[in-house]
Amino acid sequence: MKIVRWIAGGVAGLAIVVILLISSFELAMYADFGYYEKEYEKYDVLSELDMEMENVMYVTKEMMAYLRGERDKLSVITVVEGREQDFFNGQDQFHMREVQELFLGGLRIREGAVIVLTVSLTALFFLKKDRLRVLCRGYQVVLGILTVLITGLGIWVAQDFNAVFTKFHEIFFDNDLWLFDPAQDYMIRMLPEGLFYDFVIRIGGLFLTGLAVFLILSIVVPMGYKRKKDC
């Protein structure tokens, strides 16, 4: 039974980390569209596209709705360079369809993690003995192991984001259609590499904050419970 308790605690801890990671992605991308406006101003996207901010934000919101599966096709008619036309070309649509599959896959993984967490917590509940301590310690152990990976990735991002960005695409896409020509493609002008770097930092900040909050809870809650039990 002791082994089962610790396995349940470790699995629950891992599920929490997965939920936090994917939720950080979603929160960073969808919680505040005003952040996109600031990024577009920072990288002078309006001049690069010869577009009004209203039209760029319209394209952005439609694109993000597509990634969530809320649009059947990525086709957005707007005014670019003084002409009314589809903002996205065939290469854009193909690549973003792959990105959509990746994003929706991530959401499904989060749903699976929620189920795993529920099952693990249920198992701990019925096992009763030391369930709170085992859950908190399981999270701490998982976090301790992942800290090495997170630190290494953080250093790599800080030192050479372009290499990380390239490696990410090589791992998750089996073609080179993610490579765009700014001279002919509007989407890459709207989404420069610097914008992706800023979003990675934003996602990382949310993720690390979530991890820290749960770490504090995993330390404080058992102490409070023990104090209450001793009274």
C-alpha atoms as a PDB file:
ATOM      1  CA  MET A   1       0.000   0.000   0.000  1.00  0.00           C
ATOM      2  CA  LYS A   2       2.875   2.367   0.752  1.00  0.00           C
ATOM      3  CA  ILE A   3       4.211   2.047  -2.803  1.00  0.00           C
ATOM      4  CA  VAL A   4       0.740   2.670  -4.226  1.00  0.00           C
ATOM      5  CA  ARG A   5       0.417   5.820  -2.104  1.00  0.00           C
ATOM      6  CA  TRP A   6       3.723   7.225  -3.326  1.00  0.00           C
ATOM      7  CA  ILE A   7       2.986   6.360  -6.961  1.00  0.00           C
ATOM      8  CA  ALA A   8      -0.391   8.097  -6.682  1.00  0.00           C
ATOM      9  CA  GLY A   9       1.283  11.126  -5.095  1.00  0.00           C
ATOM     10  CA  GLY A  10       3.945  11.334  -7.803  1.00  0.00           C
ATOM     11  CA  VAL A  11       1.458  10.904 -10.636  1.00  0.00           C
ATOM     12  CA  ALA A  12      -0.781  13.582  -9.104  1.00  0.00           C
ATOM     13  CA  GLY A  13       2.212  15.931  -8.845  1.00  0.00           C
ATOM     14  CA  LEU A  14       3.123  15.370 -12.494  1.00  0.00           C
ATOM     15  CA  ALA A  15      -0.485  15.935 -13.563  1.00  0.00           C
ATOM     16  CA  ILE A  16      -0.527  19.263 -11.707  1.00  0.00           C
ATOM     17  CA  VAL A  17       2.637  20.373 -13.532  1.00  0.00           C
ATOM     18  CA  VAL A  18       1.172  19.423 -16.942  1.00  0.00           C
ATOM     19  CA  ILE A  19      -2.069  21.282 -16.184  1.00  0.00           C
ATOM     20  CA  LEU A  20      -0.130  24.364 -15.094  1.00  0.00           C
ATOM     21  CA  LEU A  21       2.080  24.323 -18.209  1.00  0.00           C
ATOM     22  CA  ILE A  22      -0.725  24.060 -20.758  1.00  0.00           C
ATOM     23  CA  SER A  23      -2.906  26.510 -18.823  1.00  0.00           C
ATOM     24  CA  SER A  24       0.009  28.996 -18.845  1.00  0.00           C
ATOM     25  CA  PHE A  25       0.136  28.740 -22.643  1.00  0.00           C
ATOM     26  CA  GLU A  26      -3.591  29.335 -22.961  1.00  0.00           C
ATOM     27  CA  LEU A  27      -3.674  32.158 -20.429  1.00  0.00           C
ATOM     28  CA  ALA A  28      -0.733  33.971 -22.056  1.00  0.00           C
ATOM     29  CA  MET A  29      -2.285  33.692 -25.507  1.00  0.00           C
ATOM     30  CA  TYR A  30      -5.939  34.419 -24.751  1.00  0.00           C
ATOM     31  CA  ALA A  31      -6.347  36.299 -21.466  1.00  0.00           C
ATOM     32  CA  ASP A  32      -5.333  39.761 -22.710  1.00  0.00           C
ATOM     33  CA  PHE A  33      -5.441  40.738 -26.369  1.00  0.00           C
ATOM     34  CA  GLY A  34      -4.189  44.170 -25.339  1.00  0.00           C
ATOM     35  CA  TYR A  35      -0.805  42.506 -24.968  1.00  0.00           C
ATOM     36  CA  TYR A  36      -0.794  41.811 -28.712  1.00  0.00           C
ATOM     37  CA  GLU A  37      -1.356  45.504 -29.412  1.00  0.00           C
ATOM     38  CA  LYS A  38       1.641  46.419 -27.257  1.00  0.00           C
ATOM     39  CA  GLU A  39       3.774  43.849 -29.061  1.00  0.00           C
ATOM     40  CA  TYR A  40       2.689  45.092 -32.478  1.00  0.00           C
ATOM     41  CA  GLU A  41       3.623  48.629 -31.470  1.00  0.00           C
ATOM     42  CA  LYS A  42       6.940  47.441 -30.020  1.00  0.00           C
ATOM     43  CA  TYR A  43       7.959  45.739 -33.265  1.00  0.00           C
ATOM     44  CA  ASP A  44       6.404  48.364 -35.570  1.00  0.00           C
ATOM     45  CA  VAL A  45       4.195  45.728 -37.192  1.00  0.00           C
ATOM     46  CA  LEU A  46       1.726  48.288 -38.542  1.00  0.00           C
ATOM     47  CA  SER A  47       4.418  49.878 -40.724  1.00  0.00           C
ATOM     48  CA  GLU A  48       5.645  46.478 -41.889  1.00  0.00           C
ATOM     49  CA  LEU A  49       2.132  45.534 -43.004  1.00  0.00           C
ATOM     50  CA  ASP A  50       0.806  48.966 -43.975  1.00  0.00           C
ATOM     51  CA  MET A  51      -2.323  48.235 -41.918  1.00  0.00           C
ATOM     52  CA  GLU A  52      -4.431  49.903 -39.242  1.00  0.00           C
ATOM     53  CA  MET A  53      -4.303  48.465 -35.718  1.00  0.00           C
ATOM     54  CA  GLU A  54      -8.032  47.698 -35.867  1.00  0.00           C
ATOM     55  CA  ASN A  55      -7.519  45.447 -38.879  1.00  0.00           C
ATOM     56  CA  VAL A  56      -4.421  43.751 -37.427  1.00  0.00           C
ATOM     57  CA  MET A  57      -6.314  42.974 -34.216  1.00  0.00           C
ATOM     58  CA  TYR A  58      -9.246  41.623 -36.234  1.00  0.00           C
ATOM     59  CA  VAL A  59      -6.864  39.247 -38.029  1.00  0.00           C
ATOM     60  CA  THR A  60      -5.255  38.285 -34.710  1.00  0.00           C
ATOM     61  CA  LYS A  61      -8.533  37.439 -32.979  1.00  0.00           C
ATOM     62  CA  GLU A  62      -9.754  35.403 -35.937  1.00  0.00           C
ATOM     63  CA  MET A  63      -6.450  33.546 -36.094  1.00  0.00           C
ATOM     64  CA  MET A  64      -6.542  32.754 -32.369  1.00  0.00           C
ATOM     65  CA  ALA A  65     -10.165  31.617 -32.648  1.00  0.00           C
ATOM     66  CA  TYR A  66      -9.051  29.266 -35.443  1.00  0.00           C
ATOM     67  CA  LEU A  67      -6.338  27.764 -33.228  1.00  0.00           C
ATOM     68  CA  ARG A  68      -9.021  26.901 -30.665  1.00  0.00           C
ATOM     69  CA  GLY A  69     -11.094  25.195 -33.334  1.00  0.00           C
ATOM     70  CA  GLU A  70     -13.730  27.944 -33.335  1.00  0.00           C
ATOM     71  CA  ARG A  71     -13.311  28.580 -37.077  1.00  0.00           C
ATOM     72  CA  ASP A  72     -13.398  25.937 -39.816  1.00  0.00           C
ATOM     73  CA  LYS A  73     -10.950  27.732 -42.105  1.00  0.00           C
ATOM     74  CA  LEU A  74      -8.236  30.341 -41.683  1.00  0.00           C
ATOM     75  CA  SER A  75      -9.375  32.923 -44.198  1.00  0.00           C
ATOM     76  CA  VAL A  76      -9.643  36.559 -43.107  1.00  0.00           C
ATOM     77  CA  ILE A  77     -10.541  39.293 -45.575  1.00  0.00           C
ATOM     78  CA  THR A  78      -9.151  42.657 -44.525  1.00  0.00           C
ATOM     79  CA  VAL A  79      -7.339  45.711 -45.876  1.00  0.00           C
ATOM     80  CA  VAL A  80      -3.591  45.153 -46.334  1.00  0.00           C
ATOM     81  CA  GLU A  81      -1.351  47.592 -48.214  1.00  0.00           C
ATOM     82  CA  GLY A  82      -4.427  49.556 -49.246  1.00  0.00           C
ATOM     83  CA  ARG A  83      -6.170  46.548 -50.824  1.00  0.00           C
ATOM     84  CA  GLU A  84      -8.968  44.328 -49.511  1.00  0.00           C
ATOM     85  CA  GLN A  85      -7.663  40.757 -49.655  1.00  0.00           C
ATOM     86  CA  ASP A  86      -7.201  37.528 -47.718  1.00  0.00           C
ATOM     87  CA  PHE A  87      -4.503  38.088 -45.118  1.00  0.00           C
ATOM     88  CA  PHE A  88      -3.464  34.420 -45.154  1.00  0.00           C
ATOM     89  CA  ASN A  89      -2.021  32.616 -48.157  1.00  0.00           C
ATOM     90  CA  GLY A  90      -1.905  28.877 -48.835  1.00  0.00           C
ATOM     91  CA  GLN A  91       1.335  28.281 -46.943  1.00  0.00           C
ATOM     92  CA  ASP A  92      -0.023  30.179 -43.927  1.00  0.00           C
ATOM     93  CA  GLN A  93      -3.173  28.089 -43.923  1.00  0.00           C
ATOM     94  CA  PHE A  94      -1.280  24.807 -44.181  1.00  0.00           C
ATOM     95  CA  HIS A  95       1.166  25.639 -41.387  1.00  0.00           C
ATOM     96  CA  MET A  96      -1.492  27.064 -39.094  1.00  0.00           C
ATOM     97  CA  ARG A  97      -3.591  23.932 -39.596  1.00  0.00           C
ATOM     98  CA  GLU A  98      -0.634  21.984 -38.186  1.00  0.00           C
ATOM     99  CA  VAL A  99      -0.272  24.497 -35.360  1.00  0.00           C
ATOM    100  CA  GLN A 100      -3.989  24.118 -34.612  1.00  0.00           C
ATOM    101  CA  GLU A 101      -3.580  20.336 -34.353  1.00  0.00           C
ATOM    102  CA  LEU A 102      -0.674  20.867 -31.957  1.00  0.00           C
ATOM    103  CA  PHE A 103      -2.624  23.349 -29.832  1.00  0.00           C
ATOM    104  CA  LEU A 104      -5.774  21.236 -29.667  1.00  0.00           C
ATOM    105  CA  GLY A 105      -3.605  18.222 -28.861  1.00  0.00           C
ATOM    106  CA  GLY A 106      -2.199  20.163 -25.928  1.00  0.00           C
ATOM    107  CA  LEU A 107      -5.700  20.927 -24.670  1.00  0.00           C
ATOM    108  CA  ARG A 108      -6.569  17.232 -24.909  1.00  0.00           C
ATOM    109  CA  ILE A 109      -3.443  16.378 -22.928  1.00  0.00           C
ATOM    110  CA  ARG A 110      -4.592  18.813 -20.238  1.00  0.00           C
ATOM    111  CA  GLU A 111      -8.000  17.138 -20.149  1.00  0.00           C
ATOM    112  CA  GLY A 112      -6.241  13.788 -19.742  1.00  0.00           C
ATOM    113  CA  ALA A 113      -4.077  15.244 -16.949  1.00  0.00           C
ATOM    114  CA  VAL A 114      -7.205  16.435 -15.135  1.00  0.00           C
ATOM    115  CA  ILE A 115      -8.620  12.894 -15.312  1.00  0.00           C
ATOM    116  CA  VAL A 116      -5.328  11.404 -14.093  1.00  0.00           C
ATOM    117  CA  LEU A 117      -5.217  13.918 -11.229  1.00  0.00           C
ATOM    118  CA  THR A 118      -8.789  13.080 -10.257  1.00  0.00           C
ATOM    119  CA  VAL A 119      -8.063   9.345 -10.243  1.00  0.00           C
ATOM    120  CA  SER A 120      -4.856   9.848  -8.231  1.00  0.00           C
ATOM    121  CA  LEU A 121      -6.601  12.045  -5.649  1.00  0.00           C
ATOM    122  CA  THR A 122      -9.410   9.500  -5.369  1.00  0.00           C
ATOM    123  CA  ALA A 123      -6.883   6.722  -4.763  1.00  0.00           C
ATOM    124  CA  LEU A 124      -5.157   8.797  -2.088  1.00  0.00           C
ATOM    125  CA  PHE A 125      -8.502   9.571  -0.471  1.00  0.00           C
ATOM    126  CA  PHE A 126      -9.374   5.894  -0.082  1.00  0.00           C
ATOM    127  CA  LEU A 127      -5.872   4.954   1.034  1.00  0.00           C
ATOM    128  CA  LYS A 128      -6.319   7.538   3.815  1.00  0.00           C
ATOM    129  CA  LYS A 129      -2.994   7.233   5.656  1.00  0.00           C
ATOM    130  CA  ASP A 130      -0.649  10.215   5.127  1.00  0.00           C
ATOM    131  CA  ARG A 131      -2.559  11.161   1.968  1.00  0.00           C
ATOM    132  CA  LEU A 132      -1.923  14.922   2.310  1.00  0.00           C
ATOM    133  CA  ARG A 133       1.777  14.476   3.068  1.00  0.00           C
ATOM    134  CA  VAL A 134       2.189  12.004   0.217  1.00  0.00           C
ATOM    135  CA  LEU A 135       0.437  14.338  -2.251  1.00  0.00           C
ATOM    136  CA  CYS A 136       2.558  17.329  -1.265  1.00  0.00           C
ATOM    137  CA  ARG A 137       5.792  15.351  -1.212  1.00  0.00           C
ATOM    138  CA  GLY A 138       4.949  13.802  -4.578  1.00  0.00           C
ATOM    139  CA  TYR A 139       4.575  17.273  -6.098  1.00  0.00           C
ATOM    140  CA  GLN A 140       7.851  18.407  -4.525  1.00  0.00           C
ATOM    141  CA  VAL A 141       9.744  15.420  -5.905  1.00  0.00           C
ATOM    142  CA  VAL A 142       8.355  15.931  -9.425  1.00  0.00           C
ATOM    143  CA  LEU A 143       9.166  19.651  -9.232  1.00  0.00           C
ATOM    144  CA  GLY A 144      12.691  18.886  -8.025  1.00  0.00           C
ATOM    145  CA  ILE A 145      13.324  16.608 -11.003  1.00  0.00           C
ATOM    146  CA  LEU A 146      11.843  19.065 -13.493  1.00  0.00           C
ATOM    147  CA  THR A 147      13.789  22.002 -12.059  1.00  0.00           C
ATOM    148  CA  VAL A 148      16.935  20.734 -13.795  1.00  0.00           C
ATOM    149  CA  LEU A 149      15.139  20.566 -17.159  1.00  0.00           C
ATOM    150  CA  ILE A 150      13.416  23.931 -16.689  1.00  0.00           C
ATOM    151  CA  THR A 151      16.688  25.617 -15.697  1.00  0.00           C
ATOM    152  CA  GLY A 152      18.530  24.130 -18.654  1.00  0.00           C
ATOM    153  CA  LEU A 153      15.823  25.193 -21.095  1.00  0.00           C
ATOM    154  CA  GLY A 154      15.694  28.674 -19.571  1.00  0.00           C
ATOM    155  CA  ILE A 155      19.441  29.128 -20.035  1.00  0.00           C
ATOM    156  CA  TRP A 156      19.213  27.894 -23.640  1.00  0.00           C
ATOM    157  CA  VAL A 157      16.348  30.314 -24.412  1.00  0.00           C
ATOM    158  CA  ALA A 158      18.258  33.223 -22.891  1.00  0.00           C
ATOM    159  CA  GLN A 159      21.461  32.410 -24.776  1.00  0.00           C
ATOM    160  CA  ASP A 160      20.115  31.478 -28.219  1.00  0.00           C
ATOM    161  CA  PHE A 161      16.365  31.772 -28.691  1.00  0.00           C
ATOM    162  CA  ASN A 162      16.659  31.342 -32.459  1.00  0.00           C
ATOM    163  CA  ALA A 163      18.201  27.877 -31.979  1.00  0.00           C
ATOM    164  CA  VAL A 164      15.422  26.888 -29.561  1.00  0.00           C
ATOM    165  CA  PHE A 165      12.783  28.262 -31.925  1.00  0.00           C
ATOM    166  CA  THR A 166      14.263  26.316 -34.843  1.00  0.00           C
ATOM    167  CA  LYS A 167      14.619  23.079 -32.846  1.00  0.00           C
ATOM    168  CA  PHE A 168      10.999  23.331 -31.688  1.00  0.00           C
ATOM    169  CA  HIS A 169       9.779  23.476 -35.283  1.00  0.00           C
ATOM    170  CA  GLU A 170      12.069  20.668 -36.388  1.00  0.00           C
ATOM    171  CA  ILE A 171      10.702  18.432 -33.622  1.00  0.00           C
ATOM    172  CA  PHE A 172       7.000  19.142 -34.076  1.00  0.00           C
ATOM    173  CA  PHE A 173       6.756  19.669 -37.861  1.00  0.00           C
ATOM    174  CA  ASP A 174       7.915  17.237 -40.542  1.00  0.00           C
ATOM    175  CA  ASN A 175       8.287  19.864 -43.282  1.00  0.00           C
ATOM    176  CA  ASP A 176       9.909  23.255 -43.833  1.00  0.00           C
ATOM    177  CA  LEU A 177       6.687  25.161 -44.534  1.00  0.00           C
ATOM    178  CA  TRP A 178       7.154  27.018 -41.250  1.00  0.00           C
ATOM    179  CA  LEU A 179       9.918  28.980 -43.002  1.00  0.00           C
ATOM    180  CA  PHE A 180       8.391  32.110 -44.489  1.00  0.00           C
ATOM    181  CA  ASP A 181       9.625  34.909 -46.751  1.00  0.00           C
ATOM    182  CA  PRO A 182       8.814  38.306 -45.156  1.00  0.00           C
ATOM    183  CA  ALA A 183       8.895  39.889 -48.593  1.00  0.00           C
ATOM    184  CA  GLN A 184       5.860  37.842 -49.669  1.00  0.00           C
ATOM    185  CA  ASP A 185       4.155  36.712 -46.482  1.00  0.00           C
ATOM    186  CA  TYR A 186       2.040  38.976 -44.287  1.00  0.00           C
ATOM    187  CA  MET A 187       1.756  36.569 -41.371  1.00  0.00           C
ATOM    188  CA  ILE A 188       5.482  36.475 -40.637  1.00  0.00           C
ATOM    189  CA  ARG A 189       5.551  40.269 -40.688  1.00  0.00           C
ATOM    190  CA  MET A 190       2.762  40.299 -38.112  1.00  0.00           C
ATOM    191  CA  LEU A 191       4.525  37.683 -35.976  1.00  0.00           C
ATOM    192  CA  PRO A 192       8.264  38.507 -35.847  1.00  0.00           C
ATOM    193  CA  GLU A 193      10.619  36.285 -33.847  1.00  0.00           C
ATOM    194  CA  GLY A 194      10.897  38.903 -31.105  1.00  0.00           C
ATOM    195  CA  LEU A 195       7.178  38.584 -30.448  1.00  0.00           C
ATOM    196  CA  PHE A 196       7.535  34.823 -29.965  1.00  0.00           C
ATOM    197  CA  TYR A 197      10.420  35.410 -27.552  1.00  0.00           C
ATOM    198  CA  ASP A 198       8.296  37.803 -25.497  1.00  0.00           C
ATOM    199  CA  PHE A 199       5.452  35.275 -25.371  1.00  0.00           C
ATOM    200  CA  VAL A 200       7.829  32.527 -24.229  1.00  0.00           C
ATOM    201  CA  ILE A 201       8.953  34.796 -21.381  1.00  0.00           C
ATOM    202  CA  ARG A 202       5.308  35.582 -20.579  1.00  0.00           C
ATOM    203  CA  ILE A 203       4.355  31.890 -20.588  1.00  0.00           C
ATOM    204  CA  GLY A 204       7.411  31.010 -18.514  1.00  0.00           C
ATOM    205  CA  GLY A 205       6.535  33.670 -15.950  1.00  0.00           C
ATOM    206  CA  LEU A 206       2.998  32.357 -15.557  1.00  0.00           C
ATOM    207  CA  PHE A 207       4.200  28.758 -15.380  1.00  0.00           C
ATOM    208  CA  LEU A 208       6.883  29.452 -12.774  1.00  0.00           C
ATOM    209  CA  THR A 209       4.436  31.501 -10.706  1.00  0.00           C
ATOM    210  CA  GLY A 210       1.978  28.603 -10.716  1.00  0.00           C
ATOM    211  CA  LEU A 211       4.703  26.139  -9.745  1.00  0.00           C
ATOM    212  CA  ALA A 212       5.825  28.424  -6.911  1.00  0.00           C
ATOM    213  CA  VAL A 213       2.292  28.839  -5.582  1.00  0.00           C
ATOM    214  CA  PHE A 214       1.748  25.077  -5.448  1.00  0.00           C
ATOM    215  CA  LEU A 215       5.190  24.581  -3.887  1.00  0.00           C
ATOM    216  CA  ILE A 216       4.336  27.028  -1.112  1.00  0.00           C
ATOM    217  CA  LEU A 217       0.984  25.321  -0.586  1.00  0.00           C
ATOM    218  CA  SER A 218       2.698  21.914  -0.469  1.00  0.00           C
ATOM    219  CA  ILE A 219       4.854  23.208   2.402  1.00  0.00           C
ATOM    220  CA  VAL A 220       2.397  25.379   4.313  1.00  0.00           C
ATOM    221  CA  VAL A 221      -0.761  23.222   4.158  1.00  0.00           C
ATOM    222  CA  PRO A 222       0.764  20.086   5.797  1.00  0.00           C
ATOM    223  CA  MET A 223       2.310  22.276   8.520  1.00  0.00           C
ATOM    224  CA  GLY A 224      -1.066  23.872   9.221  1.00  0.00           C
ATOM    225  CA  TYR A 225      -2.773  20.489   9.220  1.00  0.00           C
ATOM    226  CA  LYS A 226      -0.193  19.040  11.618  1.00  0.00           C
ATOM    227  CA  ARG A 227      -0.556  22.029  13.956  1.00  0.00           C
ATOM    228  CA  LYS A 228      -4.338  21.656  13.936  1.00  0.00           C
ATOM    229  CA  LYS A 229      -4.037  17.926  14.593  1.00  0.00           C
ATOM    230  CA  ASP A 230      -1.706  18.501  17.554  1.00  0.00           C
ATOM    231  CA  CYS A 231      -4.094  20.975  19.184  1.00  0.00           C
END
